[in-house]
N, C-alpha and C. Protein backbone atom coordinates (compact mmCIF):
# COMPACT_ATOMS: atom_id res chain seq x y z
N MET A 1 -46.31 -4.02 -80.54
CA MET A 1 -47.52 -4.66 -80.99
C MET A 1 -47.16 -5.93 -81.74
N THR A 2 -47.76 -7.03 -81.36
CA THR A 2 -47.46 -8.30 -82.02
C THR A 2 -48.39 -8.50 -83.21
N SER A 3 -47.87 -9.22 -84.17
CA SER A 3 -48.66 -9.45 -85.37
C SER A 3 -49.68 -10.56 -85.14
N LYS A 4 -50.59 -10.67 -86.06
CA LYS A 4 -51.66 -11.65 -85.96
C LYS A 4 -51.10 -13.07 -86.08
N SER A 5 -50.11 -13.24 -86.98
CA SER A 5 -49.54 -14.59 -87.16
C SER A 5 -48.76 -15.03 -85.93
N ASN A 6 -48.11 -14.10 -85.24
CA ASN A 6 -47.38 -14.46 -84.01
C ASN A 6 -48.34 -14.87 -82.91
N LYS A 7 -49.49 -14.22 -82.83
CA LYS A 7 -50.48 -14.60 -81.81
C LYS A 7 -51.02 -16.00 -82.08
N LEU A 8 -51.29 -16.30 -83.35
CA LEU A 8 -51.78 -17.64 -83.70
C LEU A 8 -50.74 -18.70 -83.40
N ARG A 9 -49.47 -18.40 -83.69
CA ARG A 9 -48.39 -19.35 -83.43
C ARG A 9 -48.24 -19.61 -81.94
N ALA A 10 -48.38 -18.58 -81.13
CA ALA A 10 -48.27 -18.73 -79.68
C ALA A 10 -49.43 -19.55 -79.13
N GLN A 11 -50.63 -19.37 -79.68
CA GLN A 11 -51.78 -20.15 -79.22
C GLN A 11 -51.62 -21.62 -79.58
N LYS A 12 -51.09 -21.91 -80.77
CA LYS A 12 -50.88 -23.30 -81.17
C LYS A 12 -49.81 -23.97 -80.30
N ALA A 13 -48.80 -23.19 -79.93
CA ALA A 13 -47.74 -23.74 -79.08
C ALA A 13 -48.27 -24.10 -77.70
N LEU A 14 -49.24 -23.35 -77.20
CA LEU A 14 -49.83 -23.67 -75.89
C LEU A 14 -50.68 -24.93 -75.97
N LEU A 15 -51.32 -25.16 -77.10
CA LEU A 15 -52.18 -26.33 -77.25
C LEU A 15 -51.37 -27.60 -77.48
N ARG A 16 -50.16 -27.48 -78.00
CA ARG A 16 -49.33 -28.63 -78.31
C ARG A 16 -48.81 -29.27 -77.02
N LYS A 17 -48.94 -30.57 -76.91
CA LYS A 17 -48.44 -31.27 -75.73
C LYS A 17 -47.12 -31.95 -76.10
N PRO A 18 -46.10 -31.77 -75.31
CA PRO A 18 -44.84 -32.45 -75.63
C PRO A 18 -44.96 -33.94 -75.36
N LYS A 19 -44.23 -34.72 -76.15
CA LYS A 19 -44.26 -36.17 -76.00
C LYS A 19 -43.52 -36.56 -74.74
N LYS A 20 -44.16 -37.34 -73.90
CA LYS A 20 -43.54 -37.78 -72.65
C LYS A 20 -42.60 -38.95 -72.93
N ARG A 21 -41.35 -38.81 -72.51
CA ARG A 21 -40.37 -39.88 -72.73
C ARG A 21 -40.61 -40.99 -71.72
N SER A 22 -40.40 -42.21 -72.15
CA SER A 22 -40.60 -43.33 -71.25
C SER A 22 -39.39 -43.47 -70.33
N ASN A 23 -39.65 -43.86 -69.11
CA ASN A 23 -38.61 -44.02 -68.13
C ASN A 23 -38.04 -45.44 -68.23
N VAL A 24 -36.74 -45.55 -68.45
CA VAL A 24 -36.10 -46.85 -68.67
C VAL A 24 -36.17 -47.70 -67.40
N VAL A 25 -35.98 -47.09 -66.25
CA VAL A 25 -35.93 -47.83 -64.99
C VAL A 25 -37.30 -48.41 -64.67
N VAL A 26 -38.35 -47.64 -64.94
CA VAL A 26 -39.70 -48.12 -64.65
C VAL A 26 -40.14 -49.17 -65.65
N THR A 27 -39.83 -48.96 -66.94
CA THR A 27 -40.27 -49.93 -67.96
C THR A 27 -39.57 -51.27 -67.82
N GLU A 28 -38.32 -51.28 -67.37
CA GLU A 28 -37.61 -52.55 -67.18
C GLU A 28 -37.76 -53.10 -65.77
N LYS A 29 -38.56 -52.44 -64.95
CA LYS A 29 -38.89 -52.88 -63.59
C LYS A 29 -37.64 -53.14 -62.75
N ILE A 30 -36.75 -52.13 -62.73
CA ILE A 30 -35.52 -52.21 -61.93
C ILE A 30 -35.84 -51.65 -60.56
N GLY A 31 -35.49 -52.40 -59.51
CA GLY A 31 -35.82 -52.01 -58.15
C GLY A 31 -35.11 -50.74 -57.70
N PHE A 32 -33.80 -50.71 -57.84
CA PHE A 32 -33.03 -49.52 -57.47
C PHE A 32 -31.82 -49.41 -58.38
N VAL A 33 -31.26 -48.23 -58.45
CA VAL A 33 -30.10 -47.97 -59.31
C VAL A 33 -28.85 -48.30 -58.53
N ASP A 34 -28.05 -49.23 -59.05
CA ASP A 34 -26.83 -49.65 -58.39
C ASP A 34 -25.63 -49.10 -59.17
N TYR A 35 -24.59 -48.67 -58.46
CA TYR A 35 -23.42 -48.11 -59.13
C TYR A 35 -22.63 -49.17 -59.88
N LYS A 36 -22.84 -50.46 -59.56
CA LYS A 36 -22.11 -51.53 -60.24
C LYS A 36 -22.76 -51.93 -61.56
N ASP A 37 -23.98 -51.48 -61.81
CA ASP A 37 -24.69 -51.79 -63.06
C ASP A 37 -24.28 -50.77 -64.12
N VAL A 38 -23.12 -51.02 -64.74
CA VAL A 38 -22.53 -50.05 -65.65
C VAL A 38 -23.35 -49.91 -66.93
N ASN A 39 -23.93 -51.01 -67.39
CA ASN A 39 -24.72 -50.96 -68.63
C ASN A 39 -25.94 -50.06 -68.47
N LEU A 40 -26.57 -50.11 -67.33
CA LEU A 40 -27.73 -49.24 -67.09
C LEU A 40 -27.29 -47.79 -66.99
N LEU A 41 -26.19 -47.54 -66.30
CA LEU A 41 -25.75 -46.16 -66.10
C LEU A 41 -25.28 -45.52 -67.41
N GLN A 42 -24.73 -46.32 -68.32
CA GLN A 42 -24.27 -45.76 -69.58
C GLN A 42 -25.42 -45.32 -70.47
N ARG A 43 -26.63 -45.83 -70.23
CA ARG A 43 -27.79 -45.37 -70.98
C ARG A 43 -28.13 -43.92 -70.68
N PHE A 44 -27.77 -43.47 -69.50
CA PHE A 44 -28.09 -42.11 -69.08
C PHE A 44 -26.94 -41.13 -69.33
N MET A 45 -25.91 -41.59 -70.04
CA MET A 45 -24.75 -40.75 -70.28
C MET A 45 -24.57 -40.51 -71.77
N SER A 46 -23.93 -39.38 -72.09
CA SER A 46 -23.67 -39.05 -73.50
C SER A 46 -22.42 -39.78 -73.97
N ASP A 47 -22.04 -39.55 -75.23
CA ASP A 47 -20.86 -40.21 -75.77
C ASP A 47 -19.57 -39.68 -75.15
N ARG A 48 -19.63 -38.50 -74.54
CA ARG A 48 -18.45 -37.95 -73.85
C ARG A 48 -18.50 -38.17 -72.35
N SER A 49 -19.35 -39.09 -71.92
CA SER A 49 -19.51 -39.48 -70.51
C SER A 49 -20.07 -38.38 -69.65
N LYS A 50 -20.92 -37.56 -70.21
CA LYS A 50 -21.63 -36.56 -69.41
C LYS A 50 -23.03 -37.09 -69.11
N LEU A 51 -23.56 -36.74 -67.95
CA LEU A 51 -24.91 -37.14 -67.61
C LEU A 51 -25.90 -36.37 -68.48
N ARG A 52 -26.88 -37.10 -69.03
CA ARG A 52 -27.91 -36.44 -69.82
C ARG A 52 -28.92 -35.80 -68.90
N ALA A 53 -29.59 -34.80 -69.41
CA ALA A 53 -30.56 -34.06 -68.60
C ALA A 53 -31.76 -34.93 -68.28
N ARG A 54 -32.45 -34.57 -67.25
CA ARG A 54 -33.63 -35.32 -66.80
C ARG A 54 -34.72 -35.33 -67.86
N ARG A 55 -34.86 -34.23 -68.58
CA ARG A 55 -35.89 -34.14 -69.63
C ARG A 55 -35.58 -35.09 -70.77
N MET A 56 -34.30 -35.29 -71.08
CA MET A 56 -33.93 -36.17 -72.18
C MET A 56 -34.09 -37.64 -71.80
N ASN A 57 -33.91 -37.97 -70.53
CA ASN A 57 -34.02 -39.35 -70.08
C ASN A 57 -35.45 -39.72 -69.72
N GLY A 58 -36.25 -38.76 -69.35
CA GLY A 58 -37.61 -39.04 -68.90
C GLY A 58 -37.65 -39.49 -67.46
N ASN A 59 -36.65 -39.13 -66.67
CA ASN A 59 -36.59 -39.55 -65.28
C ASN A 59 -37.35 -38.57 -64.39
N SER A 60 -37.74 -39.08 -63.23
CA SER A 60 -38.27 -38.18 -62.22
C SER A 60 -37.10 -37.50 -61.51
N VAL A 61 -37.41 -36.53 -60.69
CA VAL A 61 -36.36 -35.78 -60.01
C VAL A 61 -35.57 -36.69 -59.08
N GLN A 62 -36.27 -37.51 -58.31
CA GLN A 62 -35.59 -38.40 -57.36
C GLN A 62 -34.76 -39.45 -58.09
N LEU A 63 -35.28 -39.99 -59.19
CA LEU A 63 -34.54 -41.00 -59.93
C LEU A 63 -33.29 -40.41 -60.59
N GLN A 64 -33.41 -39.19 -61.09
CA GLN A 64 -32.24 -38.54 -61.68
C GLN A 64 -31.17 -38.29 -60.62
N ARG A 65 -31.58 -37.96 -59.42
CA ARG A 65 -30.63 -37.75 -58.33
C ARG A 65 -29.94 -39.06 -57.96
N ASP A 66 -30.70 -40.16 -57.94
CA ASP A 66 -30.11 -41.46 -57.64
C ASP A 66 -29.13 -41.90 -58.73
N ILE A 67 -29.47 -41.61 -59.97
CA ILE A 67 -28.59 -41.96 -61.09
C ILE A 67 -27.30 -41.16 -61.01
N ALA A 68 -27.42 -39.86 -60.70
CA ALA A 68 -26.23 -39.02 -60.59
C ALA A 68 -25.31 -39.51 -59.48
N THR A 69 -25.88 -39.90 -58.36
CA THR A 69 -25.07 -40.42 -57.26
C THR A 69 -24.40 -41.73 -57.64
N ALA A 70 -25.13 -42.60 -58.33
CA ALA A 70 -24.57 -43.89 -58.74
C ALA A 70 -23.45 -43.69 -59.76
N VAL A 71 -23.61 -42.74 -60.68
CA VAL A 71 -22.57 -42.48 -61.68
C VAL A 71 -21.32 -41.93 -60.99
N LYS A 72 -21.51 -41.05 -60.03
CA LYS A 72 -20.35 -40.50 -59.30
C LYS A 72 -19.61 -41.60 -58.54
N ASN A 73 -20.35 -42.51 -57.93
CA ASN A 73 -19.70 -43.63 -57.23
C ASN A 73 -18.98 -44.55 -58.20
N ALA A 74 -19.60 -44.82 -59.35
CA ALA A 74 -18.98 -45.70 -60.34
C ALA A 74 -17.72 -45.06 -60.92
N ARG A 75 -17.72 -43.76 -61.09
CA ARG A 75 -16.51 -43.07 -61.56
C ARG A 75 -15.41 -43.16 -60.52
N GLU A 76 -15.78 -43.01 -59.26
CA GLU A 76 -14.79 -43.07 -58.19
C GLU A 76 -14.18 -44.48 -58.08
N MET A 77 -14.99 -45.50 -58.36
CA MET A 77 -14.50 -46.88 -58.32
C MET A 77 -13.86 -47.30 -59.65
N ALA A 78 -13.74 -46.38 -60.58
CA ALA A 78 -13.11 -46.60 -61.89
C ALA A 78 -13.89 -47.59 -62.74
N LEU A 79 -15.21 -47.66 -62.55
CA LEU A 79 -16.04 -48.49 -63.42
C LEU A 79 -16.50 -47.70 -64.64
N LEU A 80 -16.60 -46.39 -64.49
CA LEU A 80 -16.98 -45.49 -65.59
C LEU A 80 -15.91 -44.42 -65.73
N PRO A 81 -15.68 -43.96 -66.95
CA PRO A 81 -14.69 -42.88 -67.12
C PRO A 81 -15.30 -41.52 -66.77
N TYR A 82 -14.45 -40.61 -66.35
CA TYR A 82 -14.91 -39.24 -66.12
C TYR A 82 -15.18 -38.55 -67.45
N THR A 83 -14.30 -38.73 -68.41
CA THR A 83 -14.49 -38.16 -69.75
C THR A 83 -13.98 -39.15 -70.78
N LYS A 84 -14.48 -39.00 -71.99
CA LYS A 84 -13.97 -39.77 -73.12
C LYS A 84 -13.54 -38.77 -74.17
N ARG A 85 -12.44 -39.07 -74.82
CA ARG A 85 -11.98 -38.20 -75.90
C ARG A 85 -12.62 -38.65 -77.20
N VAL A 86 -13.23 -37.72 -77.86
CA VAL A 86 -13.83 -38.01 -79.16
C VAL A 86 -12.94 -37.37 -80.19
N SER A 87 -12.29 -38.20 -81.00
CA SER A 87 -11.39 -37.65 -82.00
C SER A 87 -12.09 -37.67 -83.35
N ALA A 88 -12.40 -36.51 -83.82
CA ALA A 88 -13.01 -36.38 -85.13
C ALA A 88 -11.96 -35.82 -86.08
N THR A 89 -11.91 -36.36 -87.26
CA THR A 89 -10.94 -35.86 -88.23
C THR A 89 -11.43 -34.54 -88.78
N ARG A 90 -10.57 -33.56 -88.74
CA ARG A 90 -10.91 -32.24 -89.24
C ARG A 90 -10.38 -32.08 -90.64
N ALA A 91 -11.01 -31.19 -91.35
CA ALA A 91 -10.54 -30.86 -92.69
C ALA A 91 -9.25 -30.06 -92.56
N PRO A 92 -8.32 -30.22 -93.49
CA PRO A 92 -7.07 -29.46 -93.38
C PRO A 92 -7.33 -27.97 -93.54
N ARG A 93 -6.54 -27.18 -92.84
CA ARG A 93 -6.68 -25.73 -92.90
C ARG A 93 -6.17 -25.20 -94.21
N GLU A 94 -6.72 -24.08 -94.56
CA GLU A 94 -6.27 -23.44 -95.80
C GLU A 94 -4.91 -22.80 -95.56
N ARG A 95 -4.04 -22.95 -96.53
CA ARG A 95 -2.71 -22.34 -96.43
C ARG A 95 -2.61 -21.31 -97.54
N GLY A 96 -2.96 -20.14 -97.20
CA GLY A 96 -2.95 -19.10 -98.21
C GLY A 96 -2.11 -17.93 -97.77
N GLU A 97 -2.46 -16.81 -98.32
CA GLU A 97 -1.69 -15.60 -98.04
C GLU A 97 -1.83 -15.20 -96.57
N TYR A 98 -3.01 -15.39 -96.02
CA TYR A 98 -3.25 -15.00 -94.63
C TYR A 98 -3.48 -16.21 -93.74
N GLY A 99 -3.06 -17.40 -94.18
CA GLY A 99 -3.25 -18.61 -93.40
C GLY A 99 -2.38 -18.63 -92.16
N SER A 100 -2.69 -19.55 -91.26
CA SER A 100 -1.97 -19.62 -89.99
C SER A 100 -0.54 -20.10 -90.18
N ASP A 101 -0.29 -20.88 -91.24
CA ASP A 101 1.06 -21.40 -91.44
C ASP A 101 2.01 -20.36 -92.01
N ASP A 102 1.48 -19.29 -92.59
CA ASP A 102 2.31 -18.26 -93.20
C ASP A 102 2.76 -17.21 -92.19
N ARG A 103 2.34 -17.35 -90.95
CA ARG A 103 2.62 -16.32 -89.97
C ARG A 103 4.10 -16.08 -89.74
N ASP A 104 4.86 -17.16 -89.61
CA ASP A 104 6.28 -17.02 -89.28
C ASP A 104 7.20 -17.12 -90.49
N ARG A 105 6.64 -17.23 -91.67
CA ARG A 105 7.46 -17.38 -92.86
C ARG A 105 7.68 -16.04 -93.55
N ASP A 106 8.65 -16.03 -94.45
CA ASP A 106 8.93 -14.89 -95.32
C ASP A 106 9.24 -13.61 -94.54
N ARG A 107 9.96 -13.74 -93.48
CA ARG A 107 10.39 -12.55 -92.73
C ARG A 107 11.77 -12.11 -93.15
N GLY A 108 12.43 -12.91 -93.94
CA GLY A 108 13.78 -12.56 -94.36
C GLY A 108 14.79 -13.27 -93.50
N PRO A 109 16.07 -12.97 -93.72
CA PRO A 109 17.11 -13.66 -92.94
C PRO A 109 17.09 -13.20 -91.48
N ARG A 110 17.48 -14.11 -90.62
CA ARG A 110 17.52 -13.80 -89.19
C ARG A 110 18.77 -13.00 -88.87
N ARG A 111 18.64 -12.13 -87.90
CA ARG A 111 19.80 -11.37 -87.44
C ARG A 111 20.68 -12.28 -86.59
N PRO A 112 22.00 -12.09 -86.62
CA PRO A 112 22.86 -12.93 -85.79
C PRO A 112 22.67 -12.59 -84.31
N ARG A 113 22.88 -13.58 -83.49
CA ARG A 113 22.74 -13.37 -82.04
C ARG A 113 23.91 -12.56 -81.52
N ARG A 114 23.75 -12.03 -80.34
CA ARG A 114 24.80 -11.20 -79.75
C ARG A 114 26.02 -12.02 -79.37
N ASP A 115 25.81 -13.26 -78.96
CA ASP A 115 26.94 -14.06 -78.50
C ASP A 115 27.65 -14.79 -79.63
N ASP A 116 27.24 -14.55 -80.91
CA ASP A 116 27.96 -15.13 -82.04
C ASP A 116 29.34 -14.49 -82.16
N SER A 117 30.33 -15.30 -82.49
CA SER A 117 31.69 -14.76 -82.63
C SER A 117 31.85 -13.99 -83.94
N SER A 118 30.87 -14.16 -84.87
CA SER A 118 30.98 -13.47 -86.15
C SER A 118 30.59 -12.00 -86.05
N SER A 119 29.86 -11.62 -84.99
CA SER A 119 29.47 -10.21 -84.86
C SER A 119 30.69 -9.41 -84.43
N GLY A 120 30.86 -8.23 -85.02
CA GLY A 120 32.12 -7.53 -84.87
C GLY A 120 32.19 -6.51 -83.77
N GLY A 121 31.12 -6.04 -83.15
CA GLY A 121 31.19 -4.90 -82.25
C GLY A 121 31.50 -5.23 -80.81
N PHE A 122 31.88 -6.45 -80.49
CA PHE A 122 32.08 -6.80 -79.09
C PHE A 122 33.56 -6.88 -78.77
N SER A 123 33.87 -6.81 -77.49
CA SER A 123 35.27 -6.81 -77.06
C SER A 123 35.86 -8.21 -77.17
N SER A 124 37.15 -8.28 -77.12
CA SER A 124 37.84 -9.56 -77.27
C SER A 124 37.86 -10.35 -75.97
N ARG A 125 37.32 -9.77 -74.88
CA ARG A 125 37.32 -10.49 -73.61
C ARG A 125 36.31 -11.63 -73.61
N THR A 126 35.26 -11.54 -74.45
CA THR A 126 34.27 -12.61 -74.48
C THR A 126 34.80 -13.74 -75.35
N SER A 127 34.65 -14.95 -74.86
CA SER A 127 35.08 -16.11 -75.63
C SER A 127 34.05 -17.21 -75.46
N ALA A 128 34.06 -18.14 -76.37
CA ALA A 128 33.10 -19.24 -76.33
C ALA A 128 33.48 -20.19 -75.20
N PRO A 129 32.49 -20.84 -74.58
CA PRO A 129 32.81 -21.80 -73.53
C PRO A 129 33.53 -23.01 -74.11
N THR A 130 34.45 -23.55 -73.32
CA THR A 130 35.21 -24.71 -73.77
C THR A 130 34.66 -25.95 -73.08
N ALA A 131 34.73 -27.08 -73.78
CA ALA A 131 34.22 -28.34 -73.25
C ALA A 131 35.39 -29.28 -73.00
N GLN A 132 35.31 -30.02 -71.91
CA GLN A 132 36.36 -30.95 -71.54
C GLN A 132 35.70 -32.28 -71.19
N THR A 133 36.22 -33.39 -71.74
CA THR A 133 35.66 -34.71 -71.47
C THR A 133 36.44 -35.36 -70.35
N VAL A 134 35.70 -35.84 -69.33
CA VAL A 134 36.31 -36.46 -68.16
C VAL A 134 35.72 -37.85 -68.01
N GLU A 135 36.58 -38.84 -67.72
CA GLU A 135 36.10 -40.20 -67.51
C GLU A 135 35.77 -40.38 -66.04
N VAL A 136 34.46 -40.61 -65.77
CA VAL A 136 33.99 -40.74 -64.39
C VAL A 136 34.25 -42.16 -63.89
N SER A 137 33.89 -43.14 -64.65
CA SER A 137 34.14 -44.55 -64.32
C SER A 137 34.51 -45.25 -65.62
N PRO A 138 34.84 -46.54 -65.60
CA PRO A 138 35.27 -47.21 -66.83
C PRO A 138 34.24 -47.14 -67.97
N ASN A 139 32.94 -47.08 -67.66
CA ASN A 139 31.92 -47.08 -68.70
C ASN A 139 31.27 -45.72 -68.91
N ILE A 140 31.52 -44.77 -68.05
CA ILE A 140 30.80 -43.49 -68.11
C ILE A 140 31.80 -42.36 -68.33
N THR A 141 31.49 -41.52 -69.31
CA THR A 141 32.28 -40.31 -69.52
C THR A 141 31.35 -39.11 -69.41
N ALA A 142 31.86 -38.02 -68.91
CA ALA A 142 31.06 -36.81 -68.75
C ALA A 142 31.75 -35.66 -69.46
N GLU A 143 30.95 -34.73 -69.95
CA GLU A 143 31.50 -33.56 -70.62
C GLU A 143 31.26 -32.35 -69.74
N ILE A 144 32.32 -31.66 -69.39
CA ILE A 144 32.24 -30.49 -68.51
C ILE A 144 32.55 -29.27 -69.34
N SER A 145 31.68 -28.28 -69.26
CA SER A 145 31.92 -27.05 -70.01
C SER A 145 32.30 -25.94 -69.03
N THR A 146 33.31 -25.19 -69.39
CA THR A 146 33.74 -24.07 -68.57
C THR A 146 33.58 -22.80 -69.36
N ASP A 147 33.11 -21.76 -68.71
CA ASP A 147 32.87 -20.49 -69.35
C ASP A 147 33.99 -19.54 -68.93
N ASP A 148 34.91 -19.23 -69.84
CA ASP A 148 36.04 -18.36 -69.51
C ASP A 148 35.63 -16.90 -69.38
N SER A 149 34.50 -16.51 -70.02
CA SER A 149 34.10 -15.10 -69.96
C SER A 149 33.66 -14.72 -68.56
N ALA A 150 33.06 -15.68 -67.82
CA ALA A 150 32.62 -15.38 -66.46
C ALA A 150 33.83 -15.20 -65.55
N GLN A 151 34.91 -15.99 -65.80
CA GLN A 151 36.10 -15.86 -64.98
C GLN A 151 36.85 -14.56 -65.32
N GLY A 152 36.86 -14.21 -66.61
CA GLY A 152 37.58 -13.01 -67.02
C GLY A 152 36.87 -11.73 -66.59
N ALA A 153 35.55 -11.77 -66.45
CA ALA A 153 34.79 -10.58 -66.07
C ALA A 153 34.99 -10.26 -64.61
N THR A 154 35.28 -11.28 -63.77
CA THR A 154 35.45 -11.02 -62.36
C THR A 154 36.81 -10.41 -62.05
N SER A 155 37.82 -10.66 -62.87
CA SER A 155 39.16 -10.15 -62.60
C SER A 155 39.34 -8.72 -63.06
């Protein structure tokens, strides 16, 4: 069951007429929409280069279709951008106990990697790769690394 005030509000909404937006193309007496008229086409686009709705522009259905086709052609010819980046400065994030920056901190010391020579439980057959510098040409030198552990594991 609806309340009395809701019924009155609905009746007032039916009586209210929305304001009709003026059509830019008709008021300026433009014959047809051309894809090369970038200034006219930008009036129908948002700040991020999206086409505005027909209701916001006050266009008829056919005119909105012509504008959409002209904008697509102008984008293809690189007269209009597909998108524009809007960079707004954001407020800095809070850095607190549960902040995003605290996620990887305060975990304690890192464990040593398995291939570190300081770890004691591995066999003596593993060794660090050795690097050798070779002169390729008078101005170019190259560094070649050889892994002795791969050779020792195969034998």
